[in-house]
């Protein structure tokens, strides 16, 4: 997978130290769905993490009890009514 980074950002780690990493955007696909999400380009020794933004972009949510992905209910506001 090749990410075209568009910027760099400083991140604070849990121990309080700071690292600088490249950022980009990536198109993810899962079970016929697709969604775009921001990514941080890791370096050797970095952990891999799939975050909530990516899952939401794909229309799924993690069930922490069953440890499985479930459909995310998509909610839209109704039409605006005149006052």
Protein backbone atom coordinates (compact mmCIF):
# COMPACT_ATOMS: atom_id res chain seq x y z
CA UNK A 1 0.00 0.00 0.00
CA UNK A 2 1.41 3.35 -0.99
CA UNK A 3 0.22 6.55 0.68
CA UNK A 4 0.83 9.93 -0.92
CA UNK A 5 1.58 12.08 2.11
CA UNK A 6 0.45 15.71 1.89
CA UNK A 7 1.78 17.07 5.20
CA UNK A 8 3.72 16.37 8.40
CA UNK A 9 2.51 16.66 11.96
CA UNK A 10 3.91 16.30 15.48
CA UNK A 11 2.22 13.68 17.69
CA UNK A 12 2.50 13.28 21.46
CA UNK A 13 3.04 9.72 22.70
CA UNK A 14 1.66 8.29 25.95
CA UNK A 15 5.01 8.83 27.67
CA UNK A 16 4.95 12.54 26.79
CA UNK A 17 7.59 12.36 24.07
CA UNK A 18 6.94 13.79 20.60
CA UNK A 19 7.37 12.28 17.14
CA UNK A 20 6.91 13.72 13.67
CA UNK A 21 5.07 11.66 11.07
CA UNK A 22 3.73 12.16 7.56
CA UNK A 23 -0.05 12.37 6.98
CA UNK A 24 -2.14 11.45 3.98
CA UNK A 25 -5.56 10.17 2.96
CA UNK A 26 -6.39 6.65 1.88
CA UNK A 27 -9.37 4.90 0.32
CA UNK A 28 -10.36 1.84 2.38
CA UNK A 29 -12.54 -1.04 1.14
CA UNK A 30 -14.38 -3.64 3.24
CA UNK A 31 -17.10 -6.06 2.16
CA UNK A 32 -18.16 -4.01 -0.86
CA UNK A 33 -18.13 -0.70 1.03
CA UNK A 34 -15.53 2.00 0.70
CA UNK A 35 -14.61 5.16 2.55
CA UNK A 36 -11.83 7.73 2.68
CA UNK A 37 -9.99 8.40 5.93
CA UNK A 38 -6.88 10.25 7.09
CA UNK A 39 -3.82 8.11 7.83
CA UNK A 40 -0.53 8.63 9.63
CA UNK A 41 2.38 7.06 7.76
CA UNK A 42 4.22 4.94 10.32
CA UNK A 43 7.88 4.14 10.45
CA UNK A 44 9.71 0.94 11.38
CA UNK A 45 8.83 0.02 14.98
CA UNK A 46 5.53 1.99 15.05
CA UNK A 47 2.34 0.18 16.10
CA UNK A 48 -0.53 -0.32 13.67
CA UNK A 49 -3.93 1.05 14.66
CA UNK A 50 -7.20 1.21 12.75
CA UNK A 51 -9.15 4.08 14.29
CA UNK A 52 -12.79 5.02 14.75
CA UNK A 53 -12.73 7.56 11.89
CA UNK A 54 -11.78 4.85 9.39
CA UNK A 55 -14.41 2.45 10.73
CA UNK A 56 -17.10 5.16 10.54
CA UNK A 57 -16.06 6.01 6.97
CA UNK A 58 -16.71 2.36 6.11
CA UNK A 59 -20.10 2.41 7.86
CA UNK A 60 -19.15 -0.03 10.63
CA UNK A 61 -18.58 0.10 14.38
CA UNK A 62 -16.67 -2.26 16.66
CA UNK A 63 -18.73 -4.23 19.18
CA UNK A 64 -16.27 -4.30 22.11
CA UNK A 65 -18.02 -7.22 23.84
CA UNK A 66 -18.20 -9.59 20.87
CA UNK A 67 -15.07 -8.11 19.24
CA UNK A 68 -16.71 -7.97 15.81
CA UNK A 69 -17.67 -5.29 13.32
CA UNK A 70 -21.34 -4.34 13.06
CA UNK A 71 -23.18 -1.99 10.71
CA UNK A 72 -23.19 1.62 11.89
CA UNK A 73 -26.69 3.12 11.83
CA UNK A 74 -26.59 6.09 9.47
CA UNK A 75 -28.77 8.93 10.78
CA UNK A 76 -29.80 12.02 8.83
CA UNK A 77 -31.61 15.05 10.14
CA UNK A 78 -35.07 15.65 8.73
CA UNK A 79 -35.92 18.53 6.39
CA UNK A 80 -35.84 22.01 7.87
CA UNK A 81 -39.28 23.39 8.65
CA UNK A 82 -40.15 27.05 8.34
CA UNK A 83 -40.41 28.85 11.68
